[in-house]
C-alpha atoms as a PDB file:
ATOM      1  CA  MET A   1      37.012 -40.577 -73.655  1.00  0.00           C
ATOM      2  CA  ILE A   2      38.286 -38.404 -71.141  1.00  0.00           C
ATOM      3  CA  SER A   3      39.386 -36.357 -73.608  1.00  0.00           C
ATOM      4  CA  ARG A   4      35.243 -36.039 -74.954  1.00  0.00           C
ATOM      5  CA  CYS A   5      33.526 -35.933 -71.256  1.00  0.00           C
ATOM      6  CA  PHE A   6      36.766 -32.700 -70.807  1.00  0.00           C
ATOM      7  CA  SER A   7      35.441 -31.131 -73.143  1.00  0.00           C
ATOM      8  CA  THR A   8      31.493 -31.286 -72.361  1.00  0.00           C
ATOM      9  CA  VAL A   9      32.600 -30.009 -69.139  1.00  0.00           C
ATOM     10  CA  VAL A  10      34.853 -27.117 -70.246  1.00  0.00           C
ATOM     11  CA  SER A  11      32.002 -26.186 -73.125  1.00  0.00           C
ATOM     12  CA  ALA A  12      29.860 -26.294 -70.039  1.00  0.00           C
ATOM     13  CA  SER A  13      31.549 -24.462 -67.657  1.00  0.00           C
ATOM     14  CA  ARG A  14      32.704 -21.818 -70.230  1.00  0.00           C
ATOM     15  CA  PRO A  15      30.949 -18.629 -70.744  1.00  0.00           C
ATOM     16  CA  ALA A  16      28.442 -18.006 -73.928  1.00  0.00           C
ATOM     17  CA  SER A  17      30.905 -15.315 -74.645  1.00  0.00           C
ATOM     18  CA  ALA A  18      34.229 -16.884 -74.630  1.00  0.00           C
ATOM     19  CA  PRO A  19      35.130 -19.094 -77.638  1.00  0.00           C
ATOM     20  CA  ARG A  20      34.836 -22.045 -78.436  1.00  0.00           C
ATOM     21  CA  LEU A  21      38.498 -22.979 -79.314  1.00  0.00           C
ATOM     22  CA  VAL A  22      40.464 -23.673 -76.537  1.00  0.00           C
ATOM     23  CA  SER A  23      43.997 -25.261 -77.393  1.00  0.00           C
ATOM     24  CA  LEU A  24      45.301 -28.520 -76.489  1.00  0.00           C
ATOM     25  CA  ALA A  25      48.565 -27.089 -74.597  1.00  0.00           C
ATOM     26  CA  SER A  26      46.503 -24.820 -72.035  1.00  0.00           C
ATOM     27  CA  ARG A  27      43.909 -27.908 -71.763  1.00  0.00           C
ATOM     28  CA  SER A  28      46.314 -29.842 -70.731  1.00  0.00           C
ATOM     29  CA  ARG A  29      47.704 -27.583 -68.253  1.00  0.00           C
ATOM     30  CA  TRP A  30      44.456 -26.408 -66.817  1.00  0.00           C
ATOM     31  CA  LEU A  31      44.131 -30.521 -66.175  1.00  0.00           C
ATOM     32  CA  ALA A  32      47.546 -30.731 -64.521  1.00  0.00           C
ATOM     33  CA  THR A  33      46.969 -28.000 -62.106  1.00  0.00           C
ATOM     34  CA  GLU A  34      44.095 -29.151 -61.271  1.00  0.00           C
ATOM     35  CA  THR A  35      44.933 -32.894 -60.458  1.00  0.00           C
ATOM     36  CA  ALA A  36      48.316 -31.141 -58.622  1.00  0.00           C
ATOM     37  CA  GLN A  37      45.631 -28.868 -56.559  1.00  0.00           C
ATOM     38  CA  ALA A  38      43.218 -32.327 -55.685  1.00  0.00           C
ATOM     39  CA  SER A  39      46.070 -34.112 -54.652  1.00  0.00           C
ATOM     40  CA  SER A  40      47.936 -31.561 -52.487  1.00  0.00           C
ATOM     41  CA  SER A  41      44.625 -30.481 -50.730  1.00  0.00           C
ATOM     42  CA  THR A  42      42.402 -31.898 -47.825  1.00  0.00           C
ATOM     43  CA  PRO A  43      39.981 -34.095 -49.282  1.00  0.00           C
ATOM     44  CA  PRO A  44      36.470 -32.472 -49.873  1.00  0.00           C
ATOM     45  CA  PRO A  45      34.082 -32.723 -46.960  1.00  0.00           C
ATOM     46  CA  ALA A  46      32.041 -35.680 -46.206  1.00  0.00           C
ATOM     47  CA  ALA A  47      28.156 -34.657 -47.391  1.00  0.00           C
ATOM     48  CA  VAL A  48      26.765 -31.400 -45.117  1.00  0.00           C
ATOM     49  CA  ASP A  49      22.771 -31.563 -44.029  1.00  0.00           C
ATOM     50  CA  PRO A  50      21.248 -29.034 -47.107  1.00  0.00           C
ATOM     51  CA  THR A  51      19.491 -26.974 -43.231  1.00  0.00           C
ATOM     52  CA  ILE A  52      23.151 -26.355 -42.427  1.00  0.00           C
ATOM     53  CA  SER A  53      24.221 -25.416 -45.851  1.00  0.00           C
ATOM     54  CA  ARG A  54      21.459 -22.931 -45.946  1.00  0.00           C
ATOM     55  CA  ILE A  55      21.898 -21.918 -42.387  1.00  0.00           C
ATOM     56  CA  VAL A  56      25.594 -20.538 -43.080  1.00  0.00           C
ATOM     57  CA  ASP A  57      24.526 -19.399 -46.885  1.00  0.00           C
ATOM     58  CA  ASP A  58      21.951 -17.120 -44.327  1.00  0.00           C
ATOM     59  CA  ILE A  59      24.144 -16.361 -41.782  1.00  0.00           C
ATOM     60  CA  SER A  60      27.399 -15.471 -44.435  1.00  0.00           C
ATOM     61  CA  GLY A  61      24.614 -12.794 -46.486  1.00  0.00           C
ATOM     62  CA  LEU A  62      23.810 -10.654 -43.007  1.00  0.00           C
ATOM     63  CA  THR A  63      25.416  -7.632 -42.417  1.00  0.00           C
ATOM     64  CA  LEU A  64      27.864  -7.089 -39.309  1.00  0.00           C
ATOM     65  CA  LEU A  65      25.396  -5.193 -36.971  1.00  0.00           C
ATOM     66  CA  GLN A  66      22.457  -8.133 -38.116  1.00  0.00           C
ATOM     67  CA  ALA A  67      25.513 -10.591 -37.026  1.00  0.00           C
ATOM     68  CA  ALA A  68      26.236  -8.819 -33.387  1.00  0.00           C
ATOM     69  CA  ASP A  69      22.411  -9.388 -32.425  1.00  0.00           C
ATOM     70  CA  LEU A  70      22.216 -12.591 -33.760  1.00  0.00           C
ATOM     71  CA  VAL A  71      25.103 -13.326 -31.398  1.00  0.00           C
ATOM     72  CA  SER A  72      23.234 -11.620 -29.062  1.00  0.00           C
ATOM     73  CA  LEU A  73      19.730 -13.921 -29.254  1.00  0.00           C
ATOM     74  CA  LEU A  74      21.810 -17.115 -29.464  1.00  0.00           C
ATOM     75  CA  LYS A  75      23.601 -16.307 -26.025  1.00  0.00           C
ATOM     76  CA  SER A  76      20.491 -15.279 -24.334  1.00  0.00           C
ATOM     77  CA  ARG A  77      18.437 -17.895 -25.692  1.00  0.00           C
ATOM     78  CA  LEU A  78      21.323 -20.505 -25.530  1.00  0.00           C
ATOM     79  CA  ASN A  79      21.995 -19.154 -21.810  1.00  0.00           C
ATOM     80  CA  ILE A  80      25.707 -18.585 -22.812  1.00  0.00           C
ATOM     81  CA  GLN A  81      27.559 -16.898 -20.094  1.00  0.00           C
ATOM     82  CA  GLU A  82      30.066 -13.804 -21.230  1.00  0.00           C
ATOM     83  CA  ILE A  83      33.898 -15.215 -20.904  1.00  0.00           C
ATOM     84  CA  ALA A  84      35.904 -12.795 -21.368  1.00  0.00           C
ATOM     85  CA  MET A  85      38.934 -13.646 -23.797  1.00  0.00           C
ATOM     86  CA  PRO A  86      43.039 -12.151 -22.656  1.00  0.00           C
ATOM     87  CA  ALA A  87      43.700  -9.954 -25.233  1.00  0.00           C
ATOM     88  CA  ALA A  88      46.989 -11.093 -27.406  1.00  0.00           C
ATOM     89  CA  ALA A  89      47.816  -7.729 -28.923  1.00  0.00           C
ATOM     90  CA  ALA A  90      46.698  -4.262 -28.079  1.00  0.00           C
ATOM     91  CA  PRO A  91      43.179  -2.992 -29.403  1.00  0.00           C
ATOM     92  CA  VAL A  92      42.188  -1.436 -32.237  1.00  0.00           C
ATOM     93  CA  ALA A  93      41.313   1.965 -32.311  1.00  0.00           C
ATOM     94  CA  ALA A  94      37.547   2.243 -32.614  1.00  0.00           C
ATOM     95  CA  ALA A  95      35.751   4.124 -35.980  1.00  0.00           C
ATOM     96  CA  PRO A  96      34.384   7.755 -34.728  1.00  0.00           C
ATOM     97  CA  ALA A  97      30.693   6.919 -33.759  1.00  0.00           C
ATOM     98  CA  GLU A  98      28.384   9.213 -36.208  1.00  0.00           C
ATOM     99  CA  GLU A  99      26.480  10.405 -33.459  1.00  0.00           C
ATOM    100  CA  ALA A 100      27.340  13.434 -31.328  1.00  0.00           C
ATOM    101  CA  PRO A 101      29.212  12.033 -27.830  1.00  0.00           C
ATOM    102  CA  GLU A 102      27.188  13.480 -24.616  1.00  0.00           C
ATOM    103  CA  GLU A 103      28.885  16.159 -22.609  1.00  0.00           C
ATOM    104  CA  GLU A 104      30.442  14.810 -20.219  1.00  0.00           C
ATOM    105  CA  LYS A 105      29.726  16.131 -16.732  1.00  0.00           C
ATOM    106  CA  PRO A 106      31.484  16.878 -14.359  1.00  0.00           C
ATOM    107  CA  LYS A 107      31.774  14.640 -10.856  1.00  0.00           C
ATOM    108  CA  GLU A 108      30.390  15.969  -8.425  1.00  0.00           C
ATOM    109  CA  LYS A 109      32.842  16.229  -5.369  1.00  0.00           C
ATOM    110  CA  THR A 110      32.177  14.149  -1.675  1.00  0.00           C
ATOM    111  CA  VAL A 111      35.479  15.295  -0.210  1.00  0.00           C
ATOM    112  CA  PHE A 112      35.260  18.819   0.509  1.00  0.00           C
ATOM    113  CA  ASN A 113      38.071  21.397   2.835  1.00  0.00           C
ATOM    114  CA  VAL A 114      36.719  23.603   4.697  1.00  0.00           C
ATOM    115  CA  MET A 115      38.314  27.474   4.723  1.00  0.00           C
ATOM    116  CA  LEU A 116      38.526  30.173   6.502  1.00  0.00           C
ATOM    117  CA  LYS A 117      38.389  33.022   4.301  1.00  0.00           C
ATOM    118  CA  SER A 118      37.970  35.806   6.467  1.00  0.00           C
ATOM    119  CA  PHE A 119      36.186  36.824   9.670  1.00  0.00           C
ATOM    120  CA  ASP A 120      34.544  39.911  11.464  1.00  0.00           C
ATOM    121  CA  ALA A 121      36.335  42.141  14.286  1.00  0.00           C
ATOM    122  CA  GLY A 122      33.540  41.300  16.864  1.00  0.00           C
ATOM    123  CA  ALA A 123      33.520  37.886  16.002  1.00  0.00           C
ATOM    124  CA  LYS A 124      36.762  37.086  16.360  1.00  0.00           C
ATOM    125  CA  PRO A 125      36.820  35.195  20.446  1.00  0.00           C
ATOM    126  CA  LYS A 126      33.818  33.116  19.396  1.00  0.00           C
ATOM    127  CA  ILE A 127      35.836  32.397  16.130  1.00  0.00           C
ATOM    128  CA  ILE A 128      39.221  31.223  17.989  1.00  0.00           C
ATOM    129  CA  ARG A 129      37.076  29.478  20.964  1.00  0.00           C
ATOM    130  CA  GLU A 130      35.453  27.705  17.891  1.00  0.00           C
ATOM    131  CA  VAL A 131      38.633  26.399  16.510  1.00  0.00           C
ATOM    132  CA  LYS A 132      40.426  26.121  19.901  1.00  0.00           C
ATOM    133  CA  ALA A 133      36.931  23.574  20.673  1.00  0.00           C
ATOM    134  CA  MET A 134      37.291  22.098  17.152  1.00  0.00           C
ATOM    135  CA  VAL A 135      41.244  20.918  17.142  1.00  0.00           C
ATOM    136  CA  PRO A 136      41.295  19.486  20.827  1.00  0.00           C
ATOM    137  CA  ASN A 137      45.355  19.863  21.347  1.00  0.00           C
ATOM    138  CA  LEU A 138      46.105  23.119  20.101  1.00  0.00           C
ATOM    139  CA  THR A 139      46.130  25.596  23.102  1.00  0.00           C
ATOM    140  CA  LEU A 140      43.937  29.005  22.792  1.00  0.00           C
ATOM    141  CA  ILE A 141      47.103  31.239  21.856  1.00  0.00           C
ATOM    142  CA  ASP A 142      47.851  28.578  19.064  1.00  0.00           C
ATOM    143  CA  ALA A 143      44.413  29.014  18.187  1.00  0.00           C
ATOM    144  CA  LYS A 144      44.471  33.228  18.071  1.00  0.00           C
ATOM    145  CA  LYS A 145      47.796  32.865  15.631  1.00  0.00           C
ATOM    146  CA  PHE A 146      45.399  29.998  13.481  1.00  0.00           C
ATOM    147  CA  VAL A 147      42.704  32.700  12.983  1.00  0.00           C
ATOM    148  CA  GLU A 148      44.921  35.758  12.544  1.00  0.00           C
ATOM    149  CA  SER A 149      46.740  33.836   9.621  1.00  0.00           C
ATOM    150  CA  VAL A 150      43.662  34.011   7.512  1.00  0.00           C
ATOM    151  CA  PRO A 151      43.112  32.251   4.854  1.00  0.00           C
ATOM    152  CA  LYS A 152      43.612  29.090   6.235  1.00  0.00           C
ATOM    153  CA  VAL A 153      42.172  25.594   5.870  1.00  0.00           C
ATOM    154  CA  LEU A 154      39.906  24.320   9.117  1.00  0.00           C
ATOM    155  CA  LYS A 155      39.335  20.951   7.584  1.00  0.00           C
ATOM    156  CA  GLU A 156      40.278  18.317   5.027  1.00  0.00           C
ATOM    157  CA  ASN A 157      38.576  15.462   3.393  1.00  0.00           C
ATOM    158  CA  LEU A 158      34.839  16.129   4.758  1.00  0.00           C
ATOM    159  CA  SER A 159      32.239  14.774   3.631  1.00  0.00           C
ATOM    160  CA  LYS A 160      29.780  17.110   2.082  1.00  0.00           C
ATOM    161  CA  GLU A 161      27.186  17.032   4.755  1.00  0.00           C
ATOM    162  CA  ASP A 162      30.181  17.328   7.347  1.00  0.00           C
ATOM    163  CA  ALA A 163      31.277  20.214   5.537  1.00  0.00           C
ATOM    164  CA  GLU A 164      27.900  22.016   5.212  1.00  0.00           C
ATOM    165  CA  LYS A 165      27.534  21.721   9.112  1.00  0.00           C
ATOM    166  CA  LEU A 166      31.044  23.389   9.794  1.00  0.00           C
ATOM    167  CA  LYS A 167      30.523  26.143   7.568  1.00  0.00           C
ATOM    168  CA  GLN A 168      26.512  27.119   9.050  1.00  0.00           C
ATOM    169  CA  THR A 169      28.375  26.817  12.325  1.00  0.00           C
ATOM    170  CA  PHE A 170      31.364  29.671  11.063  1.00  0.00           C
ATOM    171  CA  GLU A 171      28.729  31.518   9.402  1.00  0.00           C
ATOM    172  CA  GLY A 172      26.625  32.004  11.896  1.00  0.00           C
ATOM    173  CA  LEU A 173      29.422  33.362  14.412  1.00  0.00           C
ATOM    174  CA  GLY A 174      30.408  35.692  11.665  1.00  0.00           C
ATOM    175  CA  ALA A 175      33.089  34.426   9.480  1.00  0.00           C
ATOM    176  CA  VAL A 176      33.537  33.955   5.658  1.00  0.00           C
ATOM    177  CA  VAL A 177      34.242  30.169   5.152  1.00  0.00           C
ATOM    178  CA  VAL A 178      34.890  28.370   1.251  1.00  0.00           C
ATOM    179  CA  LEU A 179      34.325  25.282   0.643  1.00  0.00           C
ATOM    180  CA  GLU A 180      37.017  23.509  -2.292  1.00  0.00           C
END
């Protein structure tokens, strides 16, 4: 009886182009392999709901982009929060993007140094007084030496607004000032 059922199963599972005669040795080897695998593997899963089976089939047919869209849609609809998972290994380098990357815009400076480059000879006393007023601990002689040793940095690490005000003040007196 078993051999008759086995023959029916083998003939039904064989493609139409395959020869119908199979040697007894290969049948018994196949049967032995199948029983060994069945006994060593985990038990077959319980009956699966056909709806779930259909969903799994549909998801397995999605492309990678469609799967990513599905995940993001499910997270938003089910109100699932993003949880950062620790990386176990170094990240894999990303594939080159198809689109040309946007040109990087240079970062706008927020901190400036005000440098005194030169000045008119007639404006020298006014510039010395302004430098002395800018730095309270500076004596008149030190302010004169400072102004005569141009180019020199007047102030460092100023905001853009403060640097512009200082530049306008010194340019009004007749000096050439540069923001760096």
